[in-house]
Amino acid sequence: MRKSPSLWASVMLIGVLLLAAGRPALAQSPWRVGTWKTAQTIQPFFYQQFLPGQKLEVFPFTNPADQKMALLAGSLDMCGTTLAHAIHSASRGEPVVVVAALCNKCSALVVQKDSPIQSIKDLAGKKIGYVPGTMHEILLREALTKNGINPNKDVKLVRVDFFDMGLALARGSIDAFLSGEPFPTLAVLQGYGRILAYPYYGGGVGAINAGMLVTKETIDKHPQLVAALVAAHAASTEYLKTHPKQWLQRAATFGTPLKVLEKAAPNMELAWNMDQGFIKRVRALGGRMKALGIISREPDYHKLIDLSFVKGVKLKN
């Protein structure tokens, strides 16, 4: 597994220049980044090798709401979040800004292996596990609505943490769940689950999923910090995409068997770049969220998403 000297040397140099341009105090304290311990949100665990001379602490969380709360409290400099949660936060006036993509795809709707449920329409009257405020919740509500099921009346949505969904399904506490990988694939390989559907949107939303979030105050006061973290995020993403074996082997240290991750990999996509098309898809997602009654008003998407930092990343082939 060889690195491209021009690519990684270029990124390292960018990191050095950004740190040198920042306030001296920034490099004296560890930078703090939050993420999930999953294969599709793994990039922050690789940032350090692209931030020479800068101390970094990565904190694992189990849901995007807790990460966002830590960010707003000043306990984190950057964190991962679902784009749905970012929209929801911004719609309430919270000063959050998406500065990079994190991952795409990753979702699946799962039922018990021997369940008589054969289509989404068969979920009427069933108990479905979900995590509020995530892309998975939006995907679930949209999939149910498209199939004539009112998610607020015709099913019982049960809040279950991602790490507990498989056990809840196996025990029969829920009839289905919509979650991110590797939990759907794990349910299949362990013999208690079956993939019912991959509920990605058609039309303008596509398979967008999560991004990296900072506060407006951090951008205003410490833009060099944000630029350096985004550069490290881009470099980590590109490195892992070109070294899939190392990506999945490291992800396996989080507790999921390597064979499960290898099976789930086609349904996971690491990401960092954003453009006007990305904003358009996020806008379409926000429109769906408003139509579903999850938010009462949509945010200003050009304030929510700042493309300047990803535009400033220069990666050479």
Protein backbone atom coordinates (compact mmCIF):
# COMPACT_ATOMS: atom_id res chain seq x y z
CA MET A 1 0.00 0.00 0.00
CA ARG A 2 2.01 2.93 -1.26
CA LYS A 3 1.14 6.59 -0.89
CA SER A 4 1.43 8.93 -3.82
CA PRO A 5 4.37 11.19 -2.82
CA SER A 6 3.03 14.21 -4.68
CA LEU A 7 -0.44 13.91 -3.15
CA TRP A 8 0.51 13.39 0.46
CA ALA A 9 3.51 15.73 0.43
CA SER A 10 1.25 18.43 -0.99
CA VAL A 11 -1.33 17.92 1.74
CA MET A 12 1.32 17.90 4.48
CA LEU A 13 2.74 21.17 3.14
CA ILE A 14 -0.70 22.76 3.07
CA GLY A 15 -1.20 21.71 6.70
CA VAL A 16 2.09 23.25 7.75
CA LEU A 17 1.32 26.54 5.99
CA LEU A 18 -2.15 26.72 7.48
CA LEU A 19 -0.83 26.11 10.97
CA ALA A 20 1.89 28.69 10.52
CA ALA A 21 -0.67 31.25 9.39
CA GLY A 22 -2.93 30.64 12.41
CA ARG A 23 -2.67 32.06 15.87
CA PRO A 24 0.19 30.54 17.90
CA ALA A 25 -2.27 29.61 20.64
CA LEU A 26 -4.14 27.28 18.29
CA ALA A 27 -1.22 24.92 17.87
CA GLN A 28 -0.60 24.80 21.63
CA SER A 29 -3.93 23.15 22.48
CA PRO A 30 -5.33 19.91 21.07
CA TRP A 31 -7.97 20.35 18.41
CA ARG A 32 -11.10 18.36 19.24
CA VAL A 33 -13.15 16.48 16.66
CA GLY A 34 -16.22 14.31 17.18
CA THR A 35 -17.41 11.43 15.01
CA TRP A 36 -18.99 7.99 15.14
CA LYS A 37 -16.93 4.79 15.39
CA THR A 38 -18.20 3.45 12.06
CA ALA A 39 -16.49 2.69 8.76
CA GLN A 40 -18.34 5.47 6.92
CA THR A 41 -17.41 8.13 9.49
CA ILE A 42 -13.84 7.01 10.17
CA GLN A 43 -11.88 9.84 8.56
CA PRO A 44 -11.19 11.90 11.72
CA PHE A 45 -9.21 8.98 13.13
CA PHE A 46 -6.73 9.55 10.27
CA TYR A 47 -6.49 13.35 10.51
CA GLN A 48 -3.42 13.35 12.73
CA GLN A 49 -1.07 12.10 10.01
CA PHE A 50 -2.06 15.12 7.90
CA LEU A 51 -1.71 17.68 10.69
CA PRO A 52 2.04 17.80 11.37
CA GLY A 53 2.95 19.51 14.62
CA GLN A 54 -0.65 19.84 15.79
CA LYS A 55 -2.15 17.81 18.64
CA LEU A 56 -5.54 16.29 17.87
CA GLU A 57 -8.13 14.52 20.01
CA VAL A 58 -10.93 12.49 18.42
CA PHE A 59 -14.02 11.76 20.50
CA PRO A 60 -16.46 8.97 19.54
CA PHE A 61 -20.23 9.50 19.85
CA THR A 62 -23.24 7.30 19.13
CA ASN A 63 -25.55 9.91 17.60
CA PRO A 64 -25.34 13.27 15.82
CA ALA A 65 -27.40 15.19 18.40
CA ASP A 66 -24.84 14.60 21.16
CA GLN A 67 -22.01 15.67 18.86
CA LYS A 68 -23.81 18.85 17.89
CA MET A 69 -24.55 19.69 21.53
CA ALA A 70 -20.86 19.27 22.39
CA LEU A 71 -19.95 21.49 19.43
CA LEU A 72 -22.30 24.28 20.48
CA ALA A 73 -21.04 24.01 24.06
CA GLY A 74 -17.48 24.61 22.85
CA SER A 75 -16.25 21.13 23.76
CA LEU A 76 -15.52 20.30 20.10
CA ASP A 77 -14.01 22.29 17.23
CA MET A 78 -15.63 20.13 14.53
CA CYS A 79 -17.96 17.15 14.47
CA GLY A 80 -19.81 14.83 12.16
CA THR A 81 -23.56 15.13 11.70
CA THR A 82 -26.24 13.88 9.40
CA LEU A 83 -27.33 16.46 6.86
CA ALA A 84 -30.88 16.06 8.12
CA HIS A 85 -29.74 16.99 11.61
CA ALA A 86 -27.76 19.94 10.26
CA ILE A 87 -30.87 21.23 8.47
CA HIS A 88 -32.97 20.75 11.58
CA SER A 89 -30.45 22.61 13.74
CA ALA A 90 -30.12 25.49 11.29
CA SER A 91 -33.90 25.76 10.96
CA ARG A 92 -34.00 26.49 14.70
CA GLY A 93 -31.45 29.27 14.34
CA GLU A 94 -28.48 27.37 15.74
CA PRO A 95 -25.16 28.78 14.39
CA VAL A 96 -23.95 25.63 12.65
CA VAL A 97 -22.14 25.41 9.30
CA VAL A 98 -21.38 22.36 7.15
CA VAL A 99 -17.83 22.69 5.81
CA ALA A 100 -17.28 19.26 4.20
CA ALA A 101 -19.18 16.14 3.22
CA LEU A 102 -18.54 13.02 5.30
CA CYS A 103 -20.30 10.08 3.65
CA ASN A 104 -23.03 9.07 1.22
CA LYS A 105 -25.40 6.08 1.01
CA CYS A 106 -25.02 3.64 3.98
CA SER A 107 -28.73 3.06 4.80
CA ALA A 108 -30.90 -0.05 4.65
CA LEU A 109 -34.34 -1.09 5.90
CA VAL A 110 -34.15 -4.43 7.73
CA VAL A 111 -36.78 -6.93 8.92
CA GLN A 112 -36.50 -10.29 10.67
CA LYS A 113 -35.22 -13.05 8.42
CA ASP A 114 -38.40 -15.15 8.61
CA SER A 115 -40.81 -12.23 8.82
CA PRO A 116 -43.88 -12.33 6.55
CA ILE A 117 -43.11 -8.70 5.66
CA GLN A 118 -42.25 -8.66 1.97
CA SER A 119 -42.71 -5.01 1.06
CA ILE A 120 -42.70 -1.62 2.71
CA LYS A 121 -46.51 -1.60 2.55
CA ASP A 122 -46.49 -4.62 4.87
CA LEU A 123 -44.96 -2.47 7.63
CA ALA A 124 -48.37 -0.96 8.48
CA GLY A 125 -49.12 -1.55 12.15
CA LYS A 126 -45.52 -2.60 12.93
CA LYS A 127 -42.90 -1.30 15.36
CA ILE A 128 -39.90 0.22 13.58
CA GLY A 129 -36.61 1.21 15.22
CA TYR A 130 -35.04 4.55 14.28
CA VAL A 131 -32.79 7.35 15.59
CA PRO A 132 -34.47 10.79 15.58
CA GLY A 133 -32.81 13.60 13.68
CA THR A 134 -30.83 11.39 11.33
CA MET A 135 -30.93 10.85 7.59
CA HIS A 136 -32.27 7.40 8.39
CA GLU A 137 -35.36 8.91 10.01
CA ILE A 138 -36.04 11.01 6.91
CA LEU A 139 -35.49 8.02 4.64
CA LEU A 140 -37.85 5.94 6.77
CA ARG A 141 -40.61 8.54 6.88
CA GLU A 142 -40.31 9.16 3.15
CA ALA A 143 -40.37 5.45 2.31
CA LEU A 144 -43.45 4.90 4.45
CA THR A 145 -45.25 7.94 3.04
CA LYS A 146 -44.52 6.89 -0.55
CA ASN A 147 -46.15 3.54 0.21
CA GLY A 148 -49.32 4.99 1.69
CA ILE A 149 -48.35 4.62 5.35
CA ASN A 150 -48.67 7.58 7.70
CA PRO A 151 -45.52 7.40 9.86
CA ASN A 152 -47.30 9.23 12.70
CA LYS A 153 -50.41 7.05 12.78
CA ASP A 154 -50.04 3.78 10.90
CA VAL A 155 -46.81 2.49 12.52
CA LYS A 156 -45.09 2.81 15.88
CA LEU A 157 -41.68 4.46 15.58
CA VAL A 158 -39.44 3.31 18.43
CA ARG A 159 -36.29 5.23 19.36
CA VAL A 160 -33.38 2.80 19.48
CA ASP A 161 -29.66 3.62 19.37
CA PHE A 162 -27.89 2.26 16.29
CA PHE A 163 -25.80 -0.15 18.37
CA ASP A 164 -28.94 -1.68 19.96
CA MET A 165 -31.09 -2.13 16.86
CA GLY A 166 -29.86 -5.61 15.94
CA LEU A 167 -30.54 -7.01 19.39
CA ALA A 168 -33.96 -5.36 19.50
CA LEU A 169 -34.85 -6.93 16.14
CA ALA A 170 -33.52 -10.36 17.09
CA ARG A 171 -35.54 -10.31 20.34
CA GLY A 172 -38.69 -9.18 18.57
CA SER A 173 -38.88 -5.87 20.43
CA ILE A 174 -39.20 -4.22 17.01
CA ASP A 175 -40.36 -5.60 13.66
CA ALA A 176 -37.93 -3.61 11.53
CA PHE A 177 -35.28 -0.93 11.64
CA LEU A 178 -33.73 1.58 9.31
CA SER A 179 -30.09 2.13 10.11
CA GLY A 180 -26.68 2.76 8.66
CA GLU A 181 -24.08 0.16 7.85
CA PRO A 182 -22.70 -2.14 9.12
CA PHE A 183 -25.76 -2.97 11.21
CA PRO A 184 -28.01 -4.05 8.29
CA THR A 185 -25.29 -6.31 6.87
CA LEU A 186 -24.48 -7.63 10.34
CA ALA A 187 -28.13 -8.61 10.82
CA VAL A 188 -28.05 -10.55 7.56
CA LEU A 189 -24.76 -12.34 8.19
CA GLN A 190 -25.71 -13.27 11.75
CA GLY A 191 -28.86 -14.89 10.45
CA TYR A 192 -31.63 -12.90 12.13
CA GLY A 193 -32.22 -10.12 9.56
CA ARG A 194 -33.12 -9.57 5.93
CA ILE A 195 -32.71 -6.42 3.80
CA LEU A 196 -36.17 -5.21 2.83
CA ALA A 197 -35.08 -2.14 0.87
CA TYR A 198 -32.35 0.43 0.25
CA PRO A 199 -34.58 3.49 0.64
CA TYR A 200 -32.60 6.15 -1.17
CA TYR A 201 -34.50 9.03 -2.61
CA GLY A 202 -35.14 9.38 -6.28
CA GLY A 203 -35.16 12.80 -7.85
CA GLY A 204 -33.08 15.65 -6.55
CA VAL A 205 -31.89 14.38 -3.14
CA GLY A 206 -29.82 11.39 -4.16
CA ALA A 207 -27.72 9.44 -1.66
CA ILE A 208 -26.31 12.29 0.46
CA ASN A 209 -25.94 11.37 4.11
CA ALA A 210 -23.60 13.21 6.49
CA GLY A 211 -21.15 16.10 6.74
CA MET A 212 -18.64 17.82 9.00
CA LEU A 213 -19.98 20.65 11.13
CA VAL A 214 -18.42 23.70 12.81
CA THR A 215 -19.90 26.79 14.40
CA LYS A 216 -20.10 30.19 12.75
CA GLU A 217 -17.99 31.58 15.59
CA THR A 218 -15.15 29.14 14.85
CA ILE A 219 -15.15 30.20 11.19
CA ASP A 220 -15.10 33.87 12.15
CA LYS A 221 -12.42 33.59 14.83
CA HIS A 222 -10.29 30.66 13.66
CA PRO A 223 -10.64 30.15 9.89
CA GLN A 224 -7.13 28.65 9.71
CA LEU A 225 -8.17 25.92 12.13
CA VAL A 226 -11.22 25.07 10.00
CA ALA A 227 -9.17 25.13 6.78
CA ALA A 228 -6.55 22.80 8.25
CA LEU A 229 -9.17 20.35 9.53
CA VAL A 230 -10.99 20.31 6.19
CA ALA A 231 -7.69 19.73 4.37
CA ALA A 232 -6.94 16.84 6.73
CA HIS A 233 -10.45 15.49 6.18
CA ALA A 234 -10.04 15.61 2.40
CA ALA A 235 -6.63 13.94 2.57
CA SER A 236 -7.90 11.21 4.92
CA THR A 237 -10.91 10.53 2.69
CA GLU A 238 -8.83 10.24 -0.48
CA TYR A 239 -6.27 8.06 1.27
CA LEU A 240 -8.91 5.63 2.55
CA LYS A 241 -10.70 5.50 -0.81
CA THR A 242 -7.47 4.48 -2.50
CA HIS A 243 -6.52 2.06 0.32
CA PRO A 244 -9.75 0.13 0.98
CA LYS A 245 -7.99 -2.68 2.80
CA GLN A 246 -6.52 -0.30 5.36
CA TRP A 247 -9.86 1.50 5.63
CA LEU A 248 -11.80 -1.65 6.51
CA GLN A 249 -9.06 -3.14 8.69
CA ARG A 250 -8.99 0.01 10.83
CA ALA A 251 -12.80 0.09 10.94
CA ALA A 252 -12.77 -3.50 12.16
CA THR A 253 -10.94 -2.35 15.31
CA PHE A 254 -14.17 -0.59 16.30
CA GLY A 255 -15.71 -4.02 16.92
CA THR A 256 -17.34 -5.07 13.64
CA PRO A 257 -15.83 -8.18 12.01
CA LEU A 258 -13.87 -7.51 8.84
CA LYS A 259 -16.01 -9.89 6.78
CA VAL A 260 -19.10 -7.85 7.71
CA LEU A 261 -17.44 -4.62 6.63
CA GLU A 262 -16.29 -6.16 3.36
CA LYS A 263 -19.87 -7.23 2.63
CA ALA A 264 -21.22 -3.81 3.59
CA ALA A 265 -18.61 -1.77 1.70
CA PRO A 266 -20.61 -1.43 -1.56
CA ASN A 267 -23.32 0.36 0.44
CA MET A 268 -20.86 2.87 1.98
CA GLU A 269 -19.20 5.86 0.33
CA LEU A 270 -16.65 8.15 1.98
CA ALA A 271 -16.87 11.80 0.90
CA TRP A 272 -15.44 15.27 1.48
CA ASN A 273 -16.13 17.52 -1.50
CA MET A 274 -19.19 19.74 -1.95
CA ASP A 275 -20.43 21.95 -4.78
CA GLN A 276 -23.56 23.76 -5.93
CA GLY A 277 -25.07 20.39 -6.83
CA PHE A 278 -24.55 19.30 -3.23
CA ILE A 279 -26.36 22.41 -1.99
CA LYS A 280 -29.19 21.68 -4.42
CA ARG A 281 -29.59 18.15 -3.03
CA VAL A 282 -29.51 19.41 0.57
CA ARG A 283 -32.14 21.98 -0.36
CA ALA A 284 -34.29 19.18 -1.80
CA LEU A 285 -33.82 17.23 1.44
CA GLY A 286 -34.92 20.24 3.47
CA GLY A 287 -38.00 20.55 1.31
CA ARG A 288 -38.89 16.93 2.03
CA MET A 289 -38.34 17.49 5.74
CA LYS A 290 -40.72 20.46 5.74
CA ALA A 291 -43.32 18.53 3.75
CA LEU A 292 -43.09 15.69 6.27
CA GLY A 293 -43.54 18.12 9.15
CA ILE A 294 -40.11 17.54 10.67
CA ILE A 295 -39.19 21.22 10.38
CA SER A 296 -41.52 24.21 10.26
CA ARG A 297 -39.26 26.35 8.10
CA GLU A 298 -36.21 25.83 5.92
CA PRO A 299 -32.85 27.45 6.67
CA ASP A 300 -30.73 29.61 4.40
CA TYR A 301 -28.76 26.85 2.68
CA HIS A 302 -25.96 29.12 1.53
CA LYS A 303 -25.36 30.06 5.16
CA LEU A 304 -25.67 26.48 6.34
CA ILE A 305 -23.17 25.18 3.77
CA ASP A 306 -19.83 26.92 3.31
CA LEU A 307 -18.06 25.73 0.15
CA SER A 308 -14.99 27.94 0.61
CA PHE A 309 -12.97 25.45 2.63
CA VAL A 310 -13.38 22.49 0.27
CA LYS A 311 -12.64 24.83 -2.64
CA GLY A 312 -9.37 25.72 -0.91
CA VAL A 313 -8.21 22.10 -0.75
CA LYS A 314 -5.58 21.29 -3.38
CA LEU A 315 -4.94 17.59 -3.89
CA LYS A 316 -2.52 16.57 -6.66
CA ASN A 317 -2.79 13.21 -8.38
